[in-house]
Amino acid sequence: MVIKITHTISQPVIDGDSITTGKDTIINETAYDVNGNESAVTDGNGNVTT
């Protein structure tokens, strides 16, 4: 069971107070279980490691 998901964004597009994604942006997603342990990691290419 996934309890928490975090995202890490590398190379976001920053324009004034706005932060968006662009063609060079890389987003990694990490899912955590009920004990706070990493249960899955999705890299910027969509590859999932469990």
PDB file of N, CA and C in Angstrom:
ATOM      1  N   MET A   1       0.838  -1.165   0.000  1.00  0.00           N
ATOM      2  CA  MET A   1       0.000   0.000   0.000  1.00  0.00           C
ATOM      3  C   MET A   1       0.895   1.244   0.000  1.00  0.00           C
ATOM      4  N   VAL A   2       0.639   2.164  -0.902  1.00  0.00           N
ATOM      5  CA  VAL A   2       1.395   3.413  -0.992  1.00  0.00           C
ATOM      6  C   VAL A   2       0.737   4.447  -0.086  1.00  0.00           C
ATOM      7  N   ILE A   3       1.523   5.057   0.778  1.00  0.00           N
ATOM      8  CA  ILE A   3       1.023   6.058   1.707  1.00  0.00           C
ATOM      9  C   ILE A   3       1.397   7.471   1.257  1.00  0.00           C
ATOM     10  N   LYS A   4       2.572   7.635   0.680  1.00  0.00           N
ATOM     11  CA  LYS A   4       3.078   8.961   0.319  1.00  0.00           C
ATOM     12  C   LYS A   4       3.817   8.871  -1.002  1.00  0.00           C
ATOM     13  N   ILE A   5       3.661   9.900  -1.831  1.00  0.00           N
ATOM     14  CA  ILE A   5       4.396   9.996  -3.092  1.00  0.00           C
ATOM     15  C   ILE A   5       5.047  11.375  -3.146  1.00  0.00           C
ATOM     16  N   THR A   6       6.330  11.405  -3.487  1.00  0.00           N
ATOM     17  CA  THR A   6       7.028  12.674  -3.677  1.00  0.00           C
ATOM     18  C   THR A   6       7.550  12.756  -5.106  1.00  0.00           C
ATOM     19  N   HIS A   7       7.751  13.982  -5.572  1.00  0.00           N
ATOM     20  CA  HIS A   7       8.295  14.211  -6.907  1.00  0.00           C
ATOM     21  C   HIS A   7       9.524  15.105  -6.782  1.00  0.00           C
ATOM     22  N   THR A   8      10.546  14.791  -7.542  1.00  0.00           N
ATOM     23  CA  THR A   8      11.734  15.622  -7.635  1.00  0.00           C
ATOM     24  C   THR A   8      11.804  16.134  -9.066  1.00  0.00           C
ATOM     25  N   ILE A   9      11.863  17.458  -9.214  1.00  0.00           N
ATOM     26  CA  ILE A   9      11.873  18.066 -10.546  1.00  0.00           C
ATOM     27  C   ILE A   9      13.238  18.691 -10.790  1.00  0.00           C
ATOM     28  N   SER A  10      13.918  18.236 -11.837  1.00  0.00           N
ATOM     29  CA  SER A  10      15.206  18.794 -12.234  1.00  0.00           C
ATOM     30  C   SER A  10      15.005  19.654 -13.473  1.00  0.00           C
ATOM     31  N   GLN A  11      15.641  20.783 -13.506  1.00  0.00           N
ATOM     32  CA  GLN A  11      15.603  21.717 -14.630  1.00  0.00           C
ATOM     33  C   GLN A  11      14.190  22.224 -14.939  1.00  0.00           C
ATOM     34  N   PRO A  12      13.463  22.722 -13.913  1.00  0.00           N
ATOM     35  CA  PRO A  12      12.153  23.295 -14.202  1.00  0.00           C
ATOM     36  C   PRO A  12      12.305  24.614 -14.952  1.00  0.00           C
ATOM     37  N   VAL A  13      11.227  25.060 -15.561  1.00  0.00           N
ATOM     38  CA  VAL A  13      11.200  26.355 -16.238  1.00  0.00           C
ATOM     39  C   VAL A  13      10.652  27.365 -15.234  1.00  0.00           C
ATOM     40  N   ILE A  14      11.451  28.367 -14.894  1.00  0.00           N
ATOM     41  CA  ILE A  14      11.046  29.380 -13.925  1.00  0.00           C
ATOM     42  C   ILE A  14      10.885  30.699 -14.658  1.00  0.00           C
ATOM     43  N   ASP A  15       9.675  31.271 -14.551  1.00  0.00           N
ATOM     44  CA  ASP A  15       9.360  32.545 -15.200  1.00  0.00           C
ATOM     45  C   ASP A  15       8.661  33.422 -14.169  1.00  0.00           C
ATOM     46  N   GLY A  16       9.428  34.293 -13.530  1.00  0.00           N
ATOM     47  CA  GLY A  16       8.861  35.113 -12.460  1.00  0.00           C
ATOM     48  C   GLY A  16       8.487  34.231 -11.279  1.00  0.00           C
ATOM     49  N   ASP A  17       7.196  34.259 -10.900  1.00  0.00           N
ATOM     50  CA  ASP A  17       6.704  33.436  -9.795  1.00  0.00           C
ATOM     51  C   ASP A  17       6.178  32.090 -10.263  1.00  0.00           C
ATOM     52  N   SER A  18       6.236  31.811 -11.559  1.00  0.00           N
ATOM     53  CA  SER A  18       5.672  30.585 -12.130  1.00  0.00           C
ATOM     54  C   SER A  18       6.761  29.535 -12.355  1.00  0.00           C
ATOM     55  N   ILE A  19       6.480  28.306 -11.918  1.00  0.00           N
ATOM     56  CA  ILE A  19       7.391  27.182 -12.149  1.00  0.00           C
ATOM     57  C   ILE A  19       6.624  26.126 -12.926  1.00  0.00           C
ATOM     58  N   THR A  20       7.126  25.769 -14.114  1.00  0.00           N
ATOM     59  CA  THR A  20       6.466  24.776 -14.959  1.00  0.00           C
ATOM     60  C   THR A  20       7.497  23.772 -15.467  1.00  0.00           C
ATOM     61  N   THR A  21       7.022  22.788 -16.208  1.00  0.00           N
ATOM     62  CA  THR A  21       7.928  21.824 -16.821  1.00  0.00           C
ATOM     63  C   THR A  21       8.139  22.195 -18.281  1.00  0.00           C
ATOM     64  N   GLY A  22       9.300  21.833 -18.795  1.00  0.00           N
ATOM     65  CA  GLY A  22       9.626  22.094 -20.190  1.00  0.00           C
ATOM     66  C   GLY A  22      10.253  20.866 -20.820  1.00  0.00           C
ATOM     67  N   LYS A  23      10.774  21.025 -22.032  1.00  0.00           N
ATOM     68  CA  LYS A  23      11.320  19.882 -22.772  1.00  0.00           C
ATOM     69  C   LYS A  23      12.552  19.277 -22.105  1.00  0.00           C
ATOM     70  N   ASP A  24      13.288  20.044 -21.304  1.00  0.00           N
ATOM     71  CA  ASP A  24      14.491  19.540 -20.633  1.00  0.00           C
ATOM     72  C   ASP A  24      14.243  19.146 -19.172  1.00  0.00           C
ATOM     73  N   THR A  25      13.000  19.266 -18.719  1.00  0.00           N
ATOM     74  CA  THR A  25      12.667  18.953 -17.334  1.00  0.00           C
ATOM     75  C   THR A  25      12.625  17.445 -17.114  1.00  0.00           C
ATOM     76  N   ILE A  26      13.178  17.008 -15.999  1.00  0.00           N
ATOM     77  CA  ILE A  26      13.172  15.593 -15.621  1.00  0.00           C
ATOM     78  C   ILE A  26      12.403  15.472 -14.308  1.00  0.00           C
ATOM     79  N   ILE A  27      11.399  14.593 -14.283  1.00  0.00           N
ATOM     80  CA  ILE A  27      10.604  14.385 -13.075  1.00  0.00           C
ATOM     81  C   ILE A  27      10.792  12.948 -12.600  1.00  0.00           C
ATOM     82  N   ASN A  28      11.225  12.806 -11.360  1.00  0.00           N
ATOM     83  CA  ASN A  28      11.351  11.495 -10.726  1.00  0.00           C
ATOM     84  C   ASN A  28      10.278  11.395  -9.650  1.00  0.00           C
ATOM     85  N   GLU A  29       9.673  10.215  -9.510  1.00  0.00           N
ATOM     86  CA  GLU A  29       8.630   9.993  -8.518  1.00  0.00           C
ATOM     87  C   GLU A  29       9.062   8.882  -7.572  1.00  0.00           C
ATOM     88  N   THR A  30       8.874   9.112  -6.274  1.00  0.00           N
ATOM     89  CA  THR A  30       9.196   8.101  -5.271  1.00  0.00           C
ATOM     90  C   THR A  30       7.952   7.820  -4.445  1.00  0.00           C
ATOM     91  N   ALA A  31       7.612   6.535  -4.307  1.00  0.00           N
ATOM     92  CA  ALA A  31       6.471   6.113  -3.492  1.00  0.00           C
ATOM     93  C   ALA A  31       6.994   5.460  -2.219  1.00  0.00           C
ATOM     94  N   TYR A  32       6.280   5.693  -1.116  1.00  0.00           N
ATOM     95  CA  TYR A  32       6.674   5.162   0.185  1.00  0.00           C
ATOM     96  C   TYR A  32       5.550   4.326   0.782  1.00  0.00           C
ATOM     97  N   ASP A  33       5.935   3.287   1.541  1.00  0.00           N
ATOM     98  CA  ASP A  33       4.937   2.444   2.194  1.00  0.00           C
ATOM     99  C   ASP A  33       4.562   3.023   3.562  1.00  0.00           C
ATOM    100  N   VAL A  34       3.713   2.318   4.283  1.00  0.00           N
ATOM    101  CA  VAL A  34       3.214   2.776   5.575  1.00  0.00           C
ATOM    102  C   VAL A  34       4.331   2.972   6.603  1.00  0.00           C
ATOM    103  N   ASN A  35       5.458   2.282   6.443  1.00  0.00           N
ATOM    104  CA  ASN A  35       6.591   2.412   7.357  1.00  0.00           C
ATOM    105  C   ASN A  35       7.586   3.482   6.934  1.00  0.00           C
ATOM    106  N   GLY A  36       7.305   4.182   5.840  1.00  0.00           N
ATOM    107  CA  GLY A  36       8.198   5.226   5.362  1.00  0.00           C
ATOM    108  C   GLY A  36       9.328   4.733   4.490  1.00  0.00           C
ATOM    109  N   ASN A  37       9.292   3.466   4.107  1.00  0.00           N
ATOM    110  CA  ASN A  37      10.324   2.902   3.233  1.00  0.00           C
ATOM    111  C   ASN A  37       9.959   3.130   1.771  1.00  0.00           C
ATOM    112  N   GLU A  38      10.963   3.375   0.934  1.00  0.00           N
ATOM    113  CA  GLU A  38      10.703   3.497  -0.504  1.00  0.00           C
ATOM    114  C   GLU A  38      10.117   2.193  -1.019  1.00  0.00           C
ATOM    115  N   SER A  39       8.988   2.289  -1.723  1.00  0.00           N
ATOM    116  CA  SER A  39       8.385   1.082  -2.288  1.00  0.00           C
ATOM    117  C   SER A  39       8.500   1.049  -3.805  1.00  0.00           C
ATOM    118  N   ALA A  40       8.679   2.210  -4.434  1.00  0.00           N
ATOM    119  CA  ALA A  40       8.861   2.268  -5.885  1.00  0.00           C
ATOM    120  C   ALA A  40       9.473   3.611  -6.263  1.00  0.00           C
ATOM    121  N   VAL A  41      10.320   3.585  -7.285  1.00  0.00           N
ATOM    122  CA  VAL A  41      10.914   4.809  -7.824  1.00  0.00           C
ATOM    123  C   VAL A  41      10.713   4.794  -9.326  1.00  0.00           C
ATOM    124  N   THR A  42      10.162   5.887  -9.860  1.00  0.00           N
ATOM    125  CA  THR A  42       9.989   6.039 -11.304  1.00  0.00           C
ATOM    126  C   THR A  42      10.947   7.128 -11.763  1.00  0.00           C
ATOM    127  N   ASP A  43      11.837   6.790 -12.708  1.00  0.00           N
ATOM    128  CA  ASP A  43      12.803   7.779 -13.186  1.00  0.00           C
ATOM    129  C   ASP A  43      12.202   8.629 -14.302  1.00  0.00           C
ATOM    130  N   GLY A  44      12.971   9.562 -14.788  1.00  0.00           N
ATOM    131  CA  GLY A  44      12.512  10.485 -15.814  1.00  0.00           C
ATOM    132  C   GLY A  44      12.145   9.844 -17.134  1.00  0.00           C
ATOM    133  N   ASN A  45      12.576   8.610 -17.368  1.00  0.00           N
ATOM    134  CA  ASN A  45      12.227   7.883 -18.588  1.00  0.00           C
ATOM    135  C   ASN A  45      11.025   6.975 -18.398  1.00  0.00           C
ATOM    136  N   GLY A  46      10.447   6.972 -17.194  1.00  0.00           N
ATOM    137  CA  GLY A  46       9.285   6.127 -16.929  1.00  0.00           C
ATOM    138  C   GLY A  46       9.618   4.733 -16.442  1.00  0.00           C
ATOM    139  N   ASN A  47      10.902   4.460 -16.204  1.00  0.00           N
ATOM    140  CA  ASN A  47      11.309   3.147 -15.692  1.00  0.00           C
ATOM    141  C   ASN A  47      10.994   3.061 -14.203  1.00  0.00           C
ATOM    142  N   VAL A  48      10.343   1.974 -13.782  1.00  0.00           N
ATOM    143  CA  VAL A  48       9.953   1.797 -12.386  1.00  0.00           C
ATOM    144  C   VAL A  48      10.835   0.741 -11.737  1.00  0.00           C
ATOM    145  N   THR A  49      11.371   1.089 -10.562  1.00  0.00           N
ATOM    146  CA  THR A  49      12.136   0.152  -9.751  1.00  0.00           C
ATOM    147  C   THR A  49      11.372  -0.062  -8.459  1.00  0.00           C
ATOM    148  N   THR A  50      11.154  -1.320  -8.097  1.00  0.00           N
ATOM    149  CA  THR A  50      10.429  -1.614  -6.851  1.00  0.00           C
ATOM    150  C   THR A  50      11.317  -2.319  -5.864  1.00  0.00           C
TER     151      THR A  50
END
